[in-house]
Full PDB file with SEQRES, HELIX, SHEET, SSBOND, CRYST1, ORIGX, SCALE, CONECT and MASTER records, all heavy atoms in Angstrom:
SEQRES   1 A   39  PHE ALA VAL PHE VAL LEU ILE PRO VAL VAL PHE MET PHE          
SEQRES   2 A   39  THR ALA SER LEU MET PRO ALA ARG ASP ILE MET SER ILE          
SEQRES   3 A   39  PRO TYR PRO TRP ILE PRO ARG THR LEU HIS ILE GLN ASN          
HELIX    1 AA1 ALA A    2  ALA A   15  1                                  14    
HELIX    2 AA2 ALA A   20  ILE A   23  1                                   4    
CRYST1    1.000    1.000    1.000  90.00  90.00  90.00 P 1           1          
ORIGX1      1.000000  0.000000  0.000000        0.00000                         
ORIGX2      0.000000  1.000000  0.000000        0.00000                         
ORIGX3      0.000000  0.000000  1.000000        0.00000                         
SCALE1      1.000000  0.000000  0.000000        0.00000                         
SCALE2      0.000000  1.000000  0.000000        0.00000                         
SCALE3      0.000000  0.000000  1.000000        0.00000                         
ATOM      1  N   PHE A   1       8.300  25.322 -15.640  1.00  0.00           N  
ATOM      2  CA  PHE A   1       9.155  25.035 -14.447  1.00  0.00           C  
ATOM      3  C   PHE A   1       8.384  24.064 -13.532  1.00  0.00           C  
ATOM      4  O   PHE A   1       8.991  23.230 -12.912  1.00  0.00           O  
ATOM      5  CB  PHE A   1       9.392  26.323 -13.677  1.00  0.00           C  
ATOM      6  CG  PHE A   1      10.297  26.172 -12.476  1.00  0.00           C  
ATOM      7  CD1 PHE A   1      11.655  25.998 -12.588  1.00  0.00           C  
ATOM      8  CD2 PHE A   1       9.694  26.234 -11.090  1.00  0.00           C  
ATOM      9  CE1 PHE A   1      12.434  25.909 -11.455  1.00  0.00           C  
ATOM     10  CE2 PHE A   1      10.618  26.067 -10.095  1.00  0.00           C  
ATOM     11  CZ  PHE A   1      11.880  25.875 -10.168  1.00  0.00           C  
ATOM     12  N   ALA A   2       6.977  24.229 -13.307  1.00  0.00           N  
ATOM     13  CA  ALA A   2       6.160  23.271 -12.520  1.00  0.00           C  
ATOM     14  C   ALA A   2       6.344  21.904 -13.100  1.00  0.00           C  
ATOM     15  O   ALA A   2       6.516  20.939 -12.335  1.00  0.00           O  
ATOM     16  CB  ALA A   2       4.823  23.823 -12.505  1.00  0.00           C  
ATOM     17  N   VAL A   3       6.298  21.774 -14.360  1.00  0.00           N  
ATOM     18  CA  VAL A   3       6.322  20.484 -15.021  1.00  0.00           C  
ATOM     19  C   VAL A   3       7.741  19.903 -14.762  1.00  0.00           C  
ATOM     20  O   VAL A   3       7.845  18.624 -14.463  1.00  0.00           O  
ATOM     21  CB  VAL A   3       6.073  20.571 -16.550  1.00  0.00           C  
ATOM     22  CG1 VAL A   3       6.376  19.219 -17.340  1.00  0.00           C  
ATOM     23  CG2 VAL A   3       4.579  20.943 -16.811  1.00  0.00           C  
ATOM     24  N   PHE A   4       8.709  20.673 -14.932  1.00  0.00           N  
ATOM     25  CA  PHE A   4      10.089  20.239 -14.640  1.00  0.00           C  
ATOM     26  C   PHE A   4      10.309  19.651 -13.294  1.00  0.00           C  
ATOM     27  O   PHE A   4      11.008  18.680 -13.051  1.00  0.00           O  
ATOM     28  CB  PHE A   4      11.165  21.360 -14.962  1.00  0.00           C  
ATOM     29  CG  PHE A   4      12.494  20.983 -14.716  1.00  0.00           C  
ATOM     30  CD1 PHE A   4      13.204  20.187 -15.718  1.00  0.00           C  
ATOM     31  CD2 PHE A   4      13.204  21.434 -13.613  1.00  0.00           C  
ATOM     32  CE1 PHE A   4      14.551  19.845 -15.368  1.00  0.00           C  
ATOM     33  CE2 PHE A   4      14.482  21.111 -13.373  1.00  0.00           C  
ATOM     34  CZ  PHE A   4      15.205  20.368 -14.247  1.00  0.00           C  
ATOM     35  N   VAL A   5       9.688  20.452 -12.293  1.00  0.00           N  
ATOM     36  CA  VAL A   5       9.778  20.014 -10.840  1.00  0.00           C  
ATOM     37  C   VAL A   5       8.975  18.694 -10.545  1.00  0.00           C  
ATOM     38  O   VAL A   5       9.456  17.923  -9.776  1.00  0.00           O  
ATOM     39  CB  VAL A   5       9.299  21.216 -10.059  1.00  0.00           C  
ATOM     40  CG1 VAL A   5       9.239  20.721  -8.426  1.00  0.00           C  
ATOM     41  CG2 VAL A   5      10.320  22.328 -10.056  1.00  0.00           C  
ATOM     42  N   LEU A   6       7.718  18.580 -11.222  1.00  0.00           N  
ATOM     43  CA  LEU A   6       6.841  17.490 -10.943  1.00  0.00           C  
ATOM     44  C   LEU A   6       7.267  16.179 -11.573  1.00  0.00           C  
ATOM     45  O   LEU A   6       6.811  15.123 -11.141  1.00  0.00           O  
ATOM     46  CB  LEU A   6       5.540  17.886 -11.354  1.00  0.00           C  
ATOM     47  CG  LEU A   6       4.738  19.014 -10.417  1.00  0.00           C  
ATOM     48  CD1 LEU A   6       3.461  19.348 -10.993  1.00  0.00           C  
ATOM     49  CD2 LEU A   6       4.680  18.544  -8.946  1.00  0.00           C  
ATOM     50  N   ILE A   7       8.062  16.290 -12.691  1.00  0.00           N  
ATOM     51  CA  ILE A   7       8.321  15.008 -13.372  1.00  0.00           C  
ATOM     52  C   ILE A   7       9.025  14.049 -12.442  1.00  0.00           C  
ATOM     53  O   ILE A   7       8.632  12.737 -12.502  1.00  0.00           O  
ATOM     54  CB  ILE A   7       9.338  15.343 -14.643  1.00  0.00           C  
ATOM     55  CG1 ILE A   7       8.431  15.988 -15.723  1.00  0.00           C  
ATOM     56  CG2 ILE A   7      10.002  14.102 -15.128  1.00  0.00           C  
ATOM     57  CD1 ILE A   7       9.307  16.368 -16.913  1.00  0.00           C  
ATOM     58  N   PRO A   8      10.034  14.327 -11.626  1.00  0.00           N  
ATOM     59  CA  PRO A   8      10.536  13.273 -10.744  1.00  0.00           C  
ATOM     60  C   PRO A   8       9.519  12.766  -9.693  1.00  0.00           C  
ATOM     61  O   PRO A   8       9.568  11.612  -9.409  1.00  0.00           O  
ATOM     62  CB  PRO A   8      11.708  13.998 -10.031  1.00  0.00           C  
ATOM     63  CG  PRO A   8      12.029  15.155 -10.829  1.00  0.00           C  
ATOM     64  CD  PRO A   8      10.761  15.547 -11.490  1.00  0.00           C  
ATOM     65  N   VAL A   9       8.604  13.555  -9.290  1.00  0.00           N  
ATOM     66  CA  VAL A   9       7.620  13.166  -8.430  1.00  0.00           C  
ATOM     67  C   VAL A   9       6.640  12.197  -9.000  1.00  0.00           C  
ATOM     68  O   VAL A   9       6.276  11.071  -8.472  1.00  0.00           O  
ATOM     69  CB  VAL A   9       6.765  14.310  -7.830  1.00  0.00           C  
ATOM     70  CG1 VAL A   9       5.674  13.848  -6.839  1.00  0.00           C  
ATOM     71  CG2 VAL A   9       7.761  15.303  -7.089  1.00  0.00           C  
ATOM     72  N   VAL A  10       6.281  12.573 -10.326  1.00  0.00           N  
ATOM     73  CA  VAL A  10       5.334  11.505 -11.068  1.00  0.00           C  
ATOM     74  C   VAL A  10       6.072  10.298 -11.349  1.00  0.00           C  
ATOM     75  O   VAL A  10       5.495   9.206 -11.241  1.00  0.00           O  
ATOM     76  CB  VAL A  10       4.974  12.299 -12.443  1.00  0.00           C  
ATOM     77  CG1 VAL A  10       4.053  11.287 -13.178  1.00  0.00           C  
ATOM     78  CG2 VAL A  10       4.114  13.534 -12.049  1.00  0.00           C  
ATOM     79  N   PHE A  11       7.324  10.337 -11.594  1.00  0.00           N  
ATOM     80  CA  PHE A  11       8.177   9.121 -11.896  1.00  0.00           C  
ATOM     81  C   PHE A  11       8.119   8.199 -10.620  1.00  0.00           C  
ATOM     82  O   PHE A  11       8.020   6.992 -10.746  1.00  0.00           O  
ATOM     83  CB  PHE A  11       9.456   9.557 -12.312  1.00  0.00           C  
ATOM     84  CG  PHE A  11      10.443   8.269 -12.387  1.00  0.00           C  
ATOM     85  CD1 PHE A  11      10.455   7.520 -13.516  1.00  0.00           C  
ATOM     86  CD2 PHE A  11      11.256   7.984 -11.302  1.00  0.00           C  
ATOM     87  CE1 PHE A  11      11.276   6.408 -13.516  1.00  0.00           C  
ATOM     88  CE2 PHE A  11      12.146   6.976 -11.467  1.00  0.00           C  
ATOM     89  CZ  PHE A  11      12.167   6.106 -12.514  1.00  0.00           C  
ATOM     90  N   MET A  12       8.296   8.823  -9.555  1.00  0.00           N  
ATOM     91  CA  MET A  12       8.402   8.122  -8.256  1.00  0.00           C  
ATOM     92  C   MET A  12       7.130   7.389  -7.956  1.00  0.00           C  
ATOM     93  O   MET A  12       7.017   6.143  -7.559  1.00  0.00           O  
ATOM     94  CB  MET A  12       8.696   9.009  -7.090  1.00  0.00           C  
ATOM     95  CG  MET A  12       8.747   8.431  -5.730  1.00  0.00           C  
ATOM     96  SD  MET A  12       9.091   9.478  -4.338  1.00  0.00           S  
ATOM     97  CE  MET A  12       7.583  10.468  -4.319  1.00  0.00           C  
ATOM     98  N   PHE A  13       5.939   8.102  -8.105  1.00  0.00           N  
ATOM     99  CA  PHE A  13       4.672   7.403  -7.845  1.00  0.00           C  
ATOM    100  C   PHE A  13       4.278   6.440  -8.904  1.00  0.00           C  
ATOM    101  O   PHE A  13       3.876   5.288  -8.539  1.00  0.00           O  
ATOM    102  CB  PHE A  13       3.551   8.471  -7.806  1.00  0.00           C  
ATOM    103  CG  PHE A  13       3.529   9.358  -6.538  1.00  0.00           C  
ATOM    104  CD1 PHE A  13       4.129  10.542  -6.357  1.00  0.00           C  
ATOM    105  CD2 PHE A  13       2.762   8.636  -5.482  1.00  0.00           C  
ATOM    106  CE1 PHE A  13       4.002  11.171  -5.149  1.00  0.00           C  
ATOM    107  CE2 PHE A  13       2.692   9.399  -4.261  1.00  0.00           C  
ATOM    108  CZ  PHE A  13       3.258  10.619  -4.132  1.00  0.00           C  
ATOM    109  N   THR A  14       4.519   6.654 -10.133  1.00  0.00           N  
ATOM    110  CA  THR A  14       4.276   5.606 -11.188  1.00  0.00           C  
ATOM    111  C   THR A  14       5.182   4.414 -11.078  1.00  0.00           C  
ATOM    112  O   THR A  14       4.700   3.258 -11.177  1.00  0.00           O  
ATOM    113  CB  THR A  14       4.281   6.299 -12.571  1.00  0.00           C  
ATOM    114  OG1 THR A  14       5.641   6.766 -12.815  1.00  0.00           O  
ATOM    115  CG2 THR A  14       3.286   7.276 -12.753  1.00  0.00           C  
ATOM    116  N   ALA A  15       6.382   4.773 -10.840  1.00  0.00           N  
ATOM    117  CA  ALA A  15       7.393   3.552 -10.791  1.00  0.00           C  
ATOM    118  C   ALA A  15       7.164   2.652  -9.440  1.00  0.00           C  
ATOM    119  O   ALA A  15       7.503   1.512  -9.546  1.00  0.00           O  
ATOM    120  CB  ALA A  15       8.854   4.108 -10.636  1.00  0.00           C  
ATOM    121  N   SER A  16       6.533   3.231  -8.471  1.00  0.00           N  
ATOM    122  CA  SER A  16       6.269   2.433  -7.337  1.00  0.00           C  
ATOM    123  C   SER A  16       5.177   1.368  -7.517  1.00  0.00           C  
ATOM    124  O   SER A  16       5.040   0.451  -6.805  1.00  0.00           O  
ATOM    125  CB  SER A  16       5.809   3.363  -6.139  1.00  0.00           C  
ATOM    126  OG  SER A  16       4.572   3.947  -6.449  1.00  0.00           O  
ATOM    127  N   LEU A  17       4.517   1.556  -8.681  1.00  0.00           N  
ATOM    128  CA  LEU A  17       3.394   0.574  -8.989  1.00  0.00           C  
ATOM    129  C   LEU A  17       3.775  -0.260 -10.251  1.00  0.00           C  
ATOM    130  O   LEU A  17       3.004  -0.894 -10.771  1.00  0.00           O  
ATOM    131  CB  LEU A  17       2.151   1.375  -9.353  1.00  0.00           C  
ATOM    132  CG  LEU A  17       1.630   2.149  -8.252  1.00  0.00           C  
ATOM    133  CD1 LEU A  17       0.412   3.153  -8.743  1.00  0.00           C  
ATOM    134  CD2 LEU A  17       1.006   1.266  -7.134  1.00  0.00           C  
ATOM    135  N   MET A  18       4.987  -0.257 -10.596  1.00  0.00           N  
ATOM    136  CA  MET A  18       5.505  -1.068 -11.713  1.00  0.00           C  
ATOM    137  C   MET A  18       6.532  -2.192 -11.265  1.00  0.00           C  
ATOM    138  O   MET A  18       7.187  -2.025 -10.379  1.00  0.00           O  
ATOM    139  CB  MET A  18       6.156  -0.233 -12.722  1.00  0.00           C  
ATOM    140  CG  MET A  18       5.380   0.846 -13.493  1.00  0.00           C  
ATOM    141  SD  MET A  18       6.326   1.799 -14.646  1.00  0.00           S  
ATOM    142  CE  MET A  18       5.065   3.077 -15.128  1.00  0.00           C  
ATOM    143  N   PRO A  19       6.606  -3.298 -12.078  1.00  0.00           N  
ATOM    144  CA  PRO A  19       7.743  -4.262 -11.875  1.00  0.00           C  
ATOM    145  C   PRO A  19       9.020  -3.595 -12.389  1.00  0.00           C  
ATOM    146  O   PRO A  19       8.998  -2.658 -13.104  1.00  0.00           O  
ATOM    147  CB  PRO A  19       7.319  -5.384 -12.707  1.00  0.00           C  
ATOM    148  CG  PRO A  19       6.342  -4.895 -13.714  1.00  0.00           C  
ATOM    149  CD  PRO A  19       5.657  -3.710 -13.077  1.00  0.00           C  
ATOM    150  N   ALA A  20      10.154  -4.087 -11.946  1.00  0.00           N  
ATOM    151  CA  ALA A  20      11.430  -3.459 -12.301  1.00  0.00           C  
ATOM    152  C   ALA A  20      11.671  -3.462 -13.721  1.00  0.00           C  
ATOM    153  O   ALA A  20      12.269  -2.536 -14.202  1.00  0.00           O  
ATOM    154  CB  ALA A  20      12.539  -4.350 -11.528  1.00  0.00           C  
ATOM    155  N   ARG A  21      11.221  -4.551 -14.481  1.00  0.00           N  
ATOM    156  CA  ARG A  21      11.464  -4.592 -15.870  1.00  0.00           C  
ATOM    157  C   ARG A  21      10.806  -3.366 -16.613  1.00  0.00           C  
ATOM    158  O   ARG A  21      11.396  -2.939 -17.651  1.00  0.00           O  
ATOM    159  CB  ARG A  21      11.133  -5.866 -16.511  1.00  0.00           C  
ATOM    160  CG  ARG A  21       9.571  -6.075 -16.550  1.00  0.00           C  
ATOM    161  CD  ARG A  21       9.219  -7.473 -17.021  1.00  0.00           C  
ATOM    162  NE  ARG A  21       7.748  -7.683 -17.030  1.00  0.00           N  
ATOM    163  CZ  ARG A  21       7.064  -8.196 -15.989  1.00  0.00           C  
ATOM    164  NH1 ARG A  21       7.813  -8.631 -14.842  1.00  0.00           N  
ATOM    165  NH2 ARG A  21       5.791  -8.367 -15.926  1.00  0.00           N  
ATOM    166  N   ASP A  22       9.650  -2.879 -16.169  1.00  0.00           N  
ATOM    167  CA  ASP A  22       9.025  -1.855 -16.811  1.00  0.00           C  
ATOM    168  C   ASP A  22       9.698  -0.486 -16.476  1.00  0.00           C  
ATOM    169  O   ASP A  22       9.711   0.476 -17.334  1.00  0.00           O  
ATOM    170  CB  ASP A  22       7.503  -1.766 -16.406  1.00  0.00           C  
ATOM    171  CG  ASP A  22       6.641  -2.848 -16.970  1.00  0.00           C  
ATOM    172  OD1 ASP A  22       7.134  -3.580 -17.850  1.00  0.00           O  
ATOM    173  OD2 ASP A  22       5.481  -3.096 -16.546  1.00  0.00           O  
ATOM    174  N   ILE A  23      10.178  -0.419 -15.164  1.00  0.00           N  
ATOM    175  CA  ILE A  23      10.810   0.896 -14.842  1.00  0.00           C  
ATOM    176  C   ILE A  23      12.058   1.124 -15.702  1.00  0.00           C  
ATOM    177  O   ILE A  23      12.428   2.189 -16.064  1.00  0.00           O  
ATOM    178  CB  ILE A  23      11.206   0.779 -13.288  1.00  0.00           C  
ATOM    179  CG1 ILE A  23       9.908   0.690 -12.425  1.00  0.00           C  
ATOM    180  CG2 ILE A  23      11.965   2.032 -12.883  1.00  0.00           C  
ATOM    181  CD1 ILE A  23      10.169   0.461 -11.097  1.00  0.00           C  
ATOM    182  N   MET A  24      12.801   0.079 -16.013  1.00  0.00           N  
ATOM    183  CA  MET A  24      14.092   0.189 -16.757  1.00  0.00           C  
ATOM    184  C   MET A  24      13.913   0.167 -18.265  1.00  0.00           C  
ATOM    185  O   MET A  24      14.947   0.274 -18.986  1.00  0.00           O  
ATOM    186  CB  MET A  24      15.029  -0.989 -16.343  1.00  0.00           C  
ATOM    187  CG  MET A  24      15.317  -1.071 -14.869  1.00  0.00           C  
ATOM    188  SD  MET A  24      15.920   0.403 -14.099  1.00  0.00           S  
ATOM    189  CE  MET A  24      17.537   0.518 -14.989  1.00  0.00           C  
ATOM    190  N   SER A  25      12.654   0.044 -18.621  1.00  0.00           N  
ATOM    191  CA  SER A  25      12.466  -0.037 -20.145  1.00  0.00           C  
ATOM    192  C   SER A  25      12.549   1.426 -20.807  1.00  0.00           C  
ATOM    193  O   SER A  25      12.274   2.427 -20.145  1.00  0.00           O  
ATOM    194  CB  SER A  25      11.061  -0.639 -20.429  1.00  0.00           C  
ATOM    195  OG  SER A  25      10.081   0.151 -19.907  1.00  0.00           O  
ATOM    196  N   ILE A  26      12.862   1.517 -22.099  1.00  0.00           N  
ATOM    197  CA  ILE A  26      12.986   2.657 -22.813  1.00  0.00           C  
ATOM    198  C   ILE A  26      12.170   2.518 -24.065  1.00  0.00           C  
ATOM    199  O   ILE A  26      12.396   1.626 -24.842  1.00  0.00           O  
ATOM    200  CB  ILE A  26      14.460   2.999 -23.119  1.00  0.00           C  
ATOM    201  CG1 ILE A  26      15.273   3.137 -21.816  1.00  0.00           C  
ATOM    202  CG2 ILE A  26      14.490   4.246 -23.945  1.00  0.00           C  
ATOM    203  CD1 ILE A  26      16.765   3.333 -22.013  1.00  0.00           C  
ATOM    204  N   PRO A  27      11.203   3.467 -24.249  1.00  0.00           N  
ATOM    205  CA  PRO A  27      10.837   4.641 -23.449  1.00  0.00           C  
ATOM    206  C   PRO A  27      10.080   4.240 -22.304  1.00  0.00           C  
ATOM    207  O   PRO A  27       9.469   3.125 -22.189  1.00  0.00           O  
ATOM    208  CB  PRO A  27       9.970   5.465 -24.417  1.00  0.00           C  
ATOM    209  CG  PRO A  27       9.347   4.392 -25.357  1.00  0.00           C  
ATOM    210  CD  PRO A  27      10.387   3.399 -25.574  1.00  0.00           C  
ATOM    211  N   TYR A  28      10.156   5.130 -21.295  1.00  0.00           N  
ATOM    212  CA  TYR A  28       9.542   4.795 -19.922  1.00  0.00           C  
ATOM    213  C   TYR A  28       7.967   4.867 -20.133  1.00  0.00           C  
ATOM    214  O   TYR A  28       7.396   5.807 -20.527  1.00  0.00           O  
ATOM    215  CB  TYR A  28      10.005   5.779 -18.945  1.00  0.00           C  
ATOM    216  CG  TYR A  28       9.377   5.622 -17.578  1.00  0.00           C  
ATOM    217  CD1 TYR A  28       9.669   4.500 -16.690  1.00  0.00           C  
ATOM    218  CD2 TYR A  28       8.432   6.546 -17.026  1.00  0.00           C  
ATOM    219  CE1 TYR A  28       9.104   4.420 -15.496  1.00  0.00           C  
ATOM    220  CE2 TYR A  28       7.814   6.372 -15.953  1.00  0.00           C  
ATOM    221  CZ  TYR A  28       8.169   5.323 -15.103  1.00  0.00           C  
ATOM    222  OH  TYR A  28       7.561   5.130 -13.816  1.00  0.00           O  
ATOM    223  N   PRO A  29       7.246   3.878 -19.688  1.00  0.00           N  
ATOM    224  CA  PRO A  29       5.795   3.802 -19.720  1.00  0.00           C  
ATOM    225  C   PRO A  29       5.299   4.580 -18.477  1.00  0.00           C  
ATOM    226  O   PRO A  29       5.222   4.104 -17.377  1.00  0.00           O  
ATOM    227  CB  PRO A  29       5.468   2.321 -19.619  1.00  0.00           C  
ATOM    228  CG  PRO A  29       6.630   1.709 -18.931  1.00  0.00           C  
ATOM    229  CD  PRO A  29       7.848   2.528 -19.252  1.00  0.00           C  
ATOM    230  N   TRP A  30       4.785   5.825 -18.734  1.00  0.00           N  
ATOM    231  CA  TRP A  30       4.348   6.637 -17.629  1.00  0.00           C  
ATOM    232  C   TRP A  30       3.041   6.163 -16.944  1.00  0.00           C  
ATOM    233  O   TRP A  30       2.813   6.493 -15.812  1.00  0.00           O  
ATOM    234  CB  TRP A  30       4.161   8.088 -18.121  1.00  0.00           C  
ATOM    235  CG  TRP A  30       5.452   8.679 -18.402  1.00  0.00           C  
ATOM    236  CD1 TRP A  30       6.020   8.889 -19.657  1.00  0.00           C  
ATOM    237  CD2 TRP A  30       6.351   9.390 -17.502  1.00  0.00           C  
ATOM    238  NE1 TRP A  30       7.285   9.513 -19.534  1.00  0.00           N  
ATOM    239  CE2 TRP A  30       7.407   9.962 -18.227  1.00  0.00           C  
ATOM    240  CE3 TRP A  30       6.342   9.576 -16.084  1.00  0.00           C  
ATOM    241  CZ2 TRP A  30       8.512  10.536 -17.638  1.00  0.00           C  
ATOM    242  CZ3 TRP A  30       7.331  10.248 -15.565  1.00  0.00           C  
ATOM    243  CH2 TRP A  30       8.523  10.664 -16.342  1.00  0.00           C  
ATOM    244  N   ILE A  31       2.357   5.365 -17.597  1.00  0.00           N  
ATOM    245  CA  ILE A  31       1.100   4.753 -17.114  1.00  0.00           C  
ATOM    246  C   ILE A  31       1.359   3.265 -16.828  1.00  0.00           C  
ATOM    247  O   ILE A  31       1.683   2.488 -17.770  1.00  0.00           O  
ATOM    248  CB  ILE A  31      -0.111   4.981 -17.923  1.00  0.00           C  
ATOM    249  CG1 ILE A  31      -0.374   6.354 -18.239  1.00  0.00           C  
ATOM    250  CG2 ILE A  31      -1.379   4.275 -17.439  1.00  0.00           C  
ATOM    251  CD1 ILE A  31      -1.482   6.635 -19.243  1.00  0.00           C  
ATOM    252  N   PRO A  32       1.345   2.801 -15.566  1.00  0.00           N  
ATOM    253  CA  PRO A  32       1.577   1.393 -15.218  1.00  0.00           C  
ATOM    254  C   PRO A  32       0.631   0.403 -15.980  1.00  0.00           C  
ATOM    255  O   PRO A  32      -0.565   0.635 -16.116  1.00  0.00           O  
ATOM    256  CB  PRO A  32       1.350   1.288 -13.718  1.00  0.00           C  
ATOM    257  CG  PRO A  32       1.541   2.647 -13.228  1.00  0.00           C  
ATOM    258  CD  PRO A  32       0.979   3.566 -14.360  1.00  0.00           C  
ATOM    259  N   ARG A  33       1.210  -0.633 -16.677  1.00  0.00           N  
ATOM    260  CA  ARG A  33       0.388  -1.632 -17.409  1.00  0.00           C  
ATOM    261  C   ARG A  33      -0.536  -2.410 -16.270  1.00  0.00           C  
ATOM    262  O   ARG A  33      -1.713  -2.670 -16.544  1.00  0.00           O  
ATOM    263  CB  ARG A  33       1.166  -2.545 -18.189  1.00  0.00           C  
ATOM    264  CG  ARG A  33       1.965  -1.808 -19.232  1.00  0.00           C  
ATOM    265  CD  ARG A  33       2.793  -2.779 -20.145  1.00  0.00           C  
ATOM    266  NE  ARG A  33       3.479  -2.115 -21.181  1.00  0.00           N  
ATOM    267  CZ  ARG A  33       4.695  -1.698 -21.033  1.00  0.00           C  
ATOM    268  NH1 ARG A  33       5.434  -1.996 -19.900  1.00  0.00           N  
ATOM    269  NH2 ARG A  33       5.436  -1.094 -21.959  1.00  0.00           N  
ATOM    270  N   THR A  34       0.160  -2.652 -15.165  1.00  0.00           N  
ATOM    271  CA  THR A  34      -0.580  -3.428 -14.104  1.00  0.00           C  
ATOM    272  C   THR A  34      -0.133  -2.844 -12.823  1.00  0.00           C  
ATOM    273  O   THR A  34       1.081  -2.296 -12.702  1.00  0.00           O  
ATOM    274  CB  THR A  34      -0.210  -4.939 -14.117  1.00  0.00           C  
ATOM    275  OG1 THR A  34       1.199  -5.145 -14.030  1.00  0.00           O  
ATOM    276  CG2 THR A  34      -0.740  -5.626 -15.417  1.00  0.00           C  
ATOM    277  N   LEU A  35      -0.918  -2.851 -11.870  1.00  0.00           N  
ATOM    278  CA  LEU A  35      -0.586  -2.193 -10.534  1.00  0.00           C  
ATOM    279  C   LEU A  35       0.150  -3.343  -9.705  1.00  0.00           C  
ATOM    280  O   LEU A  35      -0.308  -4.246  -9.277  1.00  0.00           O  
ATOM    281  CB  LEU A  35      -1.811  -1.873  -9.752  1.00  0.00           C  
ATOM    282  CG  LEU A  35      -2.661  -0.738 -10.427  1.00  0.00           C  
ATOM    283  CD1 LEU A  35      -3.848  -0.386  -9.586  1.00  0.00           C  
ATOM    284  CD2 LEU A  35      -1.821   0.498 -10.731  1.00  0.00           C  
ATOM    285  N   HIS A  36       1.539  -2.972  -9.567  1.00  0.00           N  
ATOM    286  CA  HIS A  36       2.377  -3.961  -8.827  1.00  0.00           C  
ATOM    287  C   HIS A  36       2.434  -3.570  -7.384  1.00  0.00           C  
ATOM    288  O   HIS A  36       3.394  -3.033  -6.738  1.00  0.00           O  
ATOM    289  CB  HIS A  36       3.734  -3.840  -9.435  1.00  0.00           C  
ATOM    290  CG  HIS A  36       4.545  -5.170  -9.391  1.00  0.00           C  
ATOM    291  ND1 HIS A  36       4.184  -6.367 -10.071  1.00  0.00           N  
ATOM    292  CD2 HIS A  36       5.667  -5.443  -8.749  1.00  0.00           C  
ATOM    293  CE1 HIS A  36       5.015  -7.294  -9.883  1.00  0.00           C  
ATOM    294  NE2 HIS A  36       5.957  -6.802  -9.030  1.00  0.00           N  
ATOM    295  N   ILE A  37       1.342  -3.864  -6.563  1.00  0.00           N  
ATOM    296  CA  ILE A  37       1.161  -3.440  -5.324  1.00  0.00           C  
ATOM    297  C   ILE A  37       2.187  -4.172  -4.312  1.00  0.00           C  
ATOM    298  O   ILE A  37       2.551  -3.536  -3.350  1.00  0.00           O  
ATOM    299  CB  ILE A  37      -0.264  -3.801  -4.791  1.00  0.00           C  
ATOM    300  CG1 ILE A  37      -1.246  -3.161  -5.639  1.00  0.00           C  
ATOM    301  CG2 ILE A  37      -0.512  -3.352  -3.251  1.00  0.00           C  
ATOM    302  CD1 ILE A  37      -1.150  -1.588  -5.691  1.00  0.00           C  
ATOM    303  N   GLN A  38       2.782  -5.280  -4.707  1.00  0.00           N  
ATOM    304  CA  GLN A  38       3.628  -6.011  -3.876  1.00  0.00           C  
ATOM    305  C   GLN A  38       4.915  -5.196  -3.649  1.00  0.00           C  
ATOM    306  O   GLN A  38       5.732  -5.464  -2.710  1.00  0.00           O  
ATOM    307  CB  GLN A  38       4.043  -7.369  -4.415  1.00  0.00           C  
ATOM    308  CG  GLN A  38       4.449  -7.381  -5.856  1.00  0.00           C  
ATOM    309  CD  GLN A  38       3.302  -7.707  -6.767  1.00  0.00           C  
ATOM    310  OE1 GLN A  38       2.223  -7.236  -6.654  1.00  0.00           O  
ATOM    311  NE2 GLN A  38       3.587  -8.598  -7.720  1.00  0.00           N  
ATOM    312  N   ASN A  39       5.199  -4.173  -4.483  1.00  0.00           N  
ATOM    313  CA  ASN A  39       6.387  -3.276  -4.169  1.00  0.00           C  
ATOM    314  C   ASN A  39       6.239  -2.696  -2.750  1.00  0.00           C  
ATOM    315  O   ASN A  39       7.297  -2.548  -2.085  1.00  0.00           O  
ATOM    316  CB  ASN A  39       6.377  -2.194  -5.200  1.00  0.00           C  
ATOM    317  CG  ASN A  39       7.000  -2.647  -6.642  1.00  0.00           C  
ATOM    318  OD1 ASN A  39       7.548  -3.781  -6.709  1.00  0.00           O  
ATOM    319  ND2 ASN A  39       6.592  -1.963  -7.623  1.00  0.00           N  
TER     320      ASN A  39                                                      
MASTER        0    0    0    2    0    0    0    6  319    1    0    3          
END                                                                             
């Protein structure tokens, strides 16, 4: 249950450091390849 609850939070934090093309890719890369700080 904790993992189920935390998945959206982890997605939010990791996606904030990715370019849009990586966020929309399938499968989703949970570890950012590069830190996209300009977001």
